[in-house]
Each structure stands twice: as structure tokens, then as C-alpha cells.
N, C-alpha and C. Protein backbone atom coordinates (compact mmCIF):
# COMPACT_ATOMS: atom_id res chain seq x y z
N MET A 1 -69.54 0.66 9.36
CA MET A 1 -69.79 -0.98 10.18
C MET A 1 -68.21 -1.22 10.39
N LEU A 2 -67.37 -0.75 9.94
CA LEU A 2 -65.61 -1.29 9.80
C LEU A 2 -65.53 -0.51 10.51
N GLU A 3 -65.99 0.74 11.48
CA GLU A 3 -64.99 0.95 12.29
C GLU A 3 -65.75 0.89 13.92
N ILE A 4 -67.11 0.60 13.76
CA ILE A 4 -67.63 -0.04 14.84
C ILE A 4 -66.70 -1.48 15.62
N CYS A 5 -66.74 -2.37 14.11
CA CYS A 5 -66.18 -3.41 14.57
C CYS A 5 -64.73 -3.46 14.98
N HIS A 6 -63.82 -2.43 14.50
CA HIS A 6 -62.47 -2.57 14.67
C HIS A 6 -62.83 -1.72 15.91
N ASP A 7 -64.08 -1.11 16.80
CA ASP A 7 -63.76 -0.52 18.17
C ASP A 7 -63.67 -1.78 19.22
N VAL A 8 -64.88 -2.14 18.74
CA VAL A 8 -65.10 -3.20 19.36
C VAL A 8 -64.27 -4.67 19.46
N GLY A 9 -62.95 -4.87 18.55
CA GLY A 9 -62.22 -5.84 18.43
C GLY A 9 -62.83 -6.71 17.74
N GLY A 10 -64.18 -6.52 16.58
CA GLY A 10 -64.25 -7.97 16.26
C GLY A 10 -63.62 -8.32 15.52
N LEU A 11 -63.72 -9.53 14.54
CA LEU A 11 -62.78 -10.25 13.28
C LEU A 11 -63.43 -10.10 12.19
N GLY A 12 -64.22 -9.49 12.30
CA GLY A 12 -64.48 -8.88 10.75
C GLY A 12 -65.89 -8.49 10.46
N LEU A 13 -66.37 -8.51 9.41
CA LEU A 13 -67.89 -8.31 9.07
C LEU A 13 -68.71 -9.19 8.18
N ALA A 14 -69.53 -9.42 8.42
CA ALA A 14 -70.29 -10.16 7.33
C ALA A 14 -71.58 -9.42 6.44
N VAL A 15 -71.70 -9.63 4.98
CA VAL A 15 -72.65 -9.07 4.52
C VAL A 15 -73.07 -10.16 3.87
N GLY A 16 -74.37 -10.15 4.05
CA GLY A 16 -75.34 -10.51 3.03
C GLY A 16 -76.31 -10.00 2.79
N HIS A 17 -77.75 -10.66 1.81
CA HIS A 17 -78.56 -9.81 1.22
C HIS A 17 -78.27 -8.99 0.26
N SER A 18 -77.10 -8.97 -0.49
CA SER A 18 -76.32 -7.63 -1.32
C SER A 18 -76.08 -6.76 -0.52
N GLY A 19 -75.80 -6.86 0.87
CA GLY A 19 -75.24 -5.75 1.66
C GLY A 19 -76.70 -4.91 2.63
N THR A 20 -77.87 -5.48 2.32
CA THR A 20 -79.20 -5.09 3.28
C THR A 20 -79.04 -5.85 4.01
N THR A 21 -77.92 -6.93 4.75
CA THR A 21 -78.16 -7.16 6.35
C THR A 21 -76.32 -7.35 6.67
N LEU A 22 -75.58 -7.13 7.50
CA LEU A 22 -74.56 -6.77 7.84
C LEU A 22 -74.21 -7.32 9.24
N GLY A 23 -73.26 -7.69 9.78
CA GLY A 23 -73.06 -8.19 11.00
C GLY A 23 -71.70 -8.31 11.26
N ILE A 24 -71.27 -7.93 12.63
CA ILE A 24 -69.82 -8.25 13.29
C ILE A 24 -69.39 -9.42 13.54
N LEU A 25 -68.35 -9.84 13.13
CA LEU A 25 -68.29 -11.54 13.29
C LEU A 25 -67.44 -11.17 14.69
N LEU A 26 -67.75 -12.05 15.49
CA LEU A 26 -67.16 -12.00 17.20
C LEU A 26 -66.49 -13.64 17.63
N ASP A 27 -65.65 -13.37 18.03
CA ASP A 27 -64.65 -15.00 18.65
C ASP A 27 -65.96 -15.43 19.89
N SER A 28 -66.74 -16.26 19.99
CA SER A 28 -67.49 -16.80 21.40
C SER A 28 -66.79 -17.33 22.37
N ARG A 29 -65.18 -17.63 21.92
CA ARG A 29 -64.39 -18.18 22.92
C ARG A 29 -64.10 -16.96 23.89
N ASP A 30 -63.98 -15.49 23.09
CA ASP A 30 -63.22 -14.66 24.20
C ASP A 30 -63.98 -14.15 25.12
N SER A 31 -63.43 -14.23 26.49
CA SER A 31 -63.93 -13.64 27.65
C SER A 31 -64.82 -12.34 28.05
N SER A 32 -64.43 -11.92 26.79
CA SER A 32 -65.13 -10.55 26.41
C SER A 32 -66.14 -10.22 25.54
N CYS A 33 -66.47 -11.50 24.99
CA CYS A 33 -67.52 -11.03 23.98
C CYS A 33 -68.66 -10.57 24.30
N THR A 34 -69.78 -11.51 25.47
CA THR A 34 -70.82 -10.71 25.71
C THR A 34 -70.89 -9.34 25.59
N ARG A 35 -69.73 -8.52 26.55
CA ARG A 35 -69.42 -6.90 26.31
C ARG A 35 -69.73 -6.39 24.82
N LYS A 36 -68.64 -7.10 23.90
CA LYS A 36 -68.19 -6.92 22.90
C LYS A 36 -69.53 -6.84 21.89
N ALA A 37 -70.94 -7.63 21.78
CA ALA A 37 -71.55 -7.70 21.41
C ALA A 37 -72.64 -6.56 21.94
N MET A 38 -72.60 -6.59 23.06
CA MET A 38 -73.44 -5.62 23.64
C MET A 38 -73.02 -3.87 22.61
N GLU A 39 -71.65 -3.56 23.02
CA GLU A 39 -71.24 -2.39 22.47
C GLU A 39 -71.29 -2.22 21.15
N ALA A 40 -71.50 -3.32 20.22
CA ALA A 40 -71.43 -3.19 19.05
C ALA A 40 -73.27 -2.71 18.66
N ALA A 41 -74.15 -3.46 19.39
CA ALA A 41 -75.02 -3.55 19.38
C ALA A 41 -75.71 -2.31 19.44
N GLN A 42 -75.06 -1.44 20.63
CA GLN A 42 -76.14 -0.01 20.59
C GLN A 42 -75.31 1.15 19.78
N ALA A 43 -74.18 0.68 19.46
CA ALA A 43 -73.40 1.37 18.61
C ALA A 43 -74.12 1.49 17.15
N CYS A 44 -74.05 0.10 16.55
CA CYS A 44 -75.20 -0.15 15.93
C CYS A 44 -76.33 0.47 15.90
N GLY A 45 -77.21 0.49 16.85
CA GLY A 45 -78.47 0.79 17.32
C GLY A 45 -78.63 2.05 16.84
N GLU A 46 -77.38 3.07 17.15
CA GLU A 46 -77.40 4.69 16.81
C GLU A 46 -77.56 4.70 15.14
N LEU A 47 -76.41 3.77 14.46
CA LEU A 47 -76.67 3.86 12.89
C LEU A 47 -77.87 3.88 12.34
N ALA A 48 -78.44 2.65 13.04
CA ALA A 48 -80.07 2.34 12.38
C ALA A 48 -81.14 2.44 12.74
N GLY A 49 -80.92 2.08 13.62
CA GLY A 49 -82.05 2.52 14.75
C GLY A 49 -82.95 1.10 15.38
N ASN A 50 -82.23 0.08 14.49
CA ASN A 50 -82.97 -1.15 14.64
C ASN A 50 -81.89 -2.37 14.71
N VAL A 51 -81.64 -3.11 15.49
CA VAL A 51 -80.50 -4.11 15.51
C VAL A 51 -81.08 -5.19 16.48
N ALA A 52 -80.68 -6.39 15.67
CA ALA A 52 -80.99 -7.80 16.21
C ALA A 52 -79.26 -8.77 16.44
N VAL A 53 -79.47 -9.13 17.48
CA VAL A 53 -78.42 -9.88 17.90
C VAL A 53 -78.55 -11.65 18.02
N TYR A 54 -77.69 -12.20 17.17
CA TYR A 54 -77.54 -13.63 16.73
C TYR A 54 -76.33 -14.26 17.33
N ARG A 55 -76.55 -15.34 17.27
CA ARG A 55 -75.27 -16.54 17.94
C ARG A 55 -75.70 -17.32 17.07
N THR A 56 -74.66 -17.67 16.08
CA THR A 56 -74.69 -18.74 15.05
C THR A 56 -73.77 -19.69 15.66
N LEU A 57 -73.44 -20.63 14.83
CA LEU A 57 -73.05 -22.23 14.84
C LEU A 57 -71.83 -21.90 15.67
N SER A 58 -71.00 -22.57 16.61
CA SER A 58 -69.74 -22.72 16.59
C SER A 58 -69.01 -23.89 16.50
N PHE A 59 -68.07 -24.16 16.32
CA PHE A 59 -67.16 -25.46 16.14
C PHE A 59 -66.27 -26.13 17.27
N PRO A 60 -66.45 -26.44 18.17
CA PRO A 60 -66.07 -26.40 19.63
C PRO A 60 -64.42 -27.15 19.35
N GLY A 61 -64.16 -28.01 18.09
CA GLY A 61 -62.69 -28.34 17.97
C GLY A 61 -62.40 -27.84 17.08
N ALA A 62 -62.88 -26.91 16.55
CA ALA A 62 -62.06 -25.44 15.69
C ALA A 62 -60.61 -24.85 16.53
N ALA A 63 -59.88 -24.64 16.02
CA ALA A 63 -58.67 -24.03 16.48
C ALA A 63 -58.99 -22.33 16.28
N ALA A 64 -58.44 -21.79 17.32
CA ALA A 64 -58.69 -20.40 17.66
C ALA A 64 -57.73 -19.90 16.82
N PRO A 65 -58.08 -18.75 16.07
CA PRO A 65 -57.92 -17.88 15.17
C PRO A 65 -56.83 -17.30 15.94
N THR A 66 -55.09 -17.03 15.24
CA THR A 66 -54.07 -17.07 15.76
C THR A 66 -53.93 -15.24 15.02
N GLY A 67 -52.89 -14.51 15.86
CA GLY A 67 -52.58 -13.58 15.75
C GLY A 67 -53.92 -12.59 15.17
N SER A 68 -53.64 -11.69 14.78
CA SER A 68 -54.89 -10.37 15.16
C SER A 68 -55.33 -10.29 13.50
N HIS A 69 -56.33 -10.94 13.57
CA HIS A 69 -56.74 -11.29 12.05
C HIS A 69 -57.64 -9.77 11.61
N ALA A 70 -58.24 -9.38 13.01
CA ALA A 70 -59.05 -7.35 12.77
C ALA A 70 -58.23 -6.86 12.21
N GLU A 71 -57.00 -6.49 12.44
CA GLU A 71 -56.22 -6.15 11.89
C GLU A 71 -55.74 -6.38 10.64
N ILE A 72 -55.83 -7.06 10.14
CA ILE A 72 -55.50 -7.59 8.67
C ILE A 72 -56.87 -7.43 8.01
N LEU A 73 -58.17 -7.65 8.41
CA LEU A 73 -59.34 -7.23 7.78
C LEU A 73 -59.92 -5.96 7.97
N LEU A 74 -59.54 -5.31 8.85
CA LEU A 74 -60.08 -3.77 9.08
C LEU A 74 -58.48 -3.02 9.62
N PRO A 75 -57.77 -2.69 8.51
CA PRO A 75 -56.68 -1.47 8.35
C PRO A 75 -57.09 -0.33 9.23
N ALA A 76 -56.26 0.19 10.08
CA ALA A 76 -56.67 1.33 11.09
C ALA A 76 -56.72 2.48 10.05
């Protein structure tokens, strides 16, 4: 999952239910967000066989992340 997240330019991973649910965080303000989500879903499907894609809350007034958080969260 870390490799997939890094490959698609994700911001990091979300882990829930003691690790039985995993997700890749993407910035919805990124113009390539849809492409990244599709690429991530395809790659995850190859790992697990079943994938669900969800869009969660967005905060319109929130400042965009600065710098490359993906590099901080996911060292090469």
C-alpha cells in the first residue's frame, strides 16, 4: 500500500479497524485527483481483489498543504 500511495502521489495512508481497512489519501484540489484515484484503485485491486472508492469530507476554506508531504510520510 505504501508503494502504491507513493507511485500515485498520494498524501499518505489511512488505517482503520485495526488495519483491516486501508485507504490512500488524495488531495481533491489536485487536478489529477481522479486519475490518481483510478490508478490507486486498479493497483489495490491487484493486491486484494476488491476495492471500494470513497470521497470523504472536504473543507473548502482549509489551506492547501505546502511542500511534499508524501515524501515526508512515505520515504523513498
